[in-house]
Amino acid sequence: MKIAVRLLAFLSLFGLVLFGSVQHSAQAKEGNKKISHYQVLTQDEDGTQTAVSFNNKIAFDQYVKQHPVKPKHKFFPADRIYSTLYENINGGGWSIQAYANVMTNLAGNANDAVSSVRTHPHGNYTYVYIDANGGGNALALANTGGLYNLLGPVGDGSRTWNDEVSSVLVRSN
């Protein structure tokens, strides 16, 4: 009986040390990651992208409202306004259009398969979301007519926006 109790005590202590230290190191790694569920991407004239990150939707929405993107032209064409989503970076592969003021859920092969977006030049933002119906993490792309490669981090940085988009909402001024 004494041997069984000693063995049980040893195994309990060994398990506590082993699993306790593993759990502690995992928590330390997670603590170093910057979690950003919402981001705004802008692009200057030479195509350099700048990201602004937010921890919550309220701060994200306030920033977008306080930093409107001006249209490149004063007169808009009579055509429908849309942003184009591409399968590959740099606008390669197949493409689909997401039209202004319509929540577009990507279905079939297009879901979680977008790698770049060309925005329209009429101001405001094109929003891409990680989940259907505008759910989950969000990325706002300034509508400047520029091409954005979706290579930035999503959430805790364990993945990128590449092949993660499930819905899109295009806005214009």
Foldseek 3Di string as FASTA:
>chain_A
DVVVVVVVVVVVVVCCVVVVVVVVVVVVVLVPFDFFQEWEWEADPVGDIDIDGDPDPVVRVVVLVVDKWAAPDPDDDPDFAWKKFAQAAPRDDDIDTDTAPDKFFDDDPRQLRTFKMFAARQIRWKKFALEGPRDTGIYTYTRRRDMGGFADAHTRRPGTSHSRTGIMHDHGD
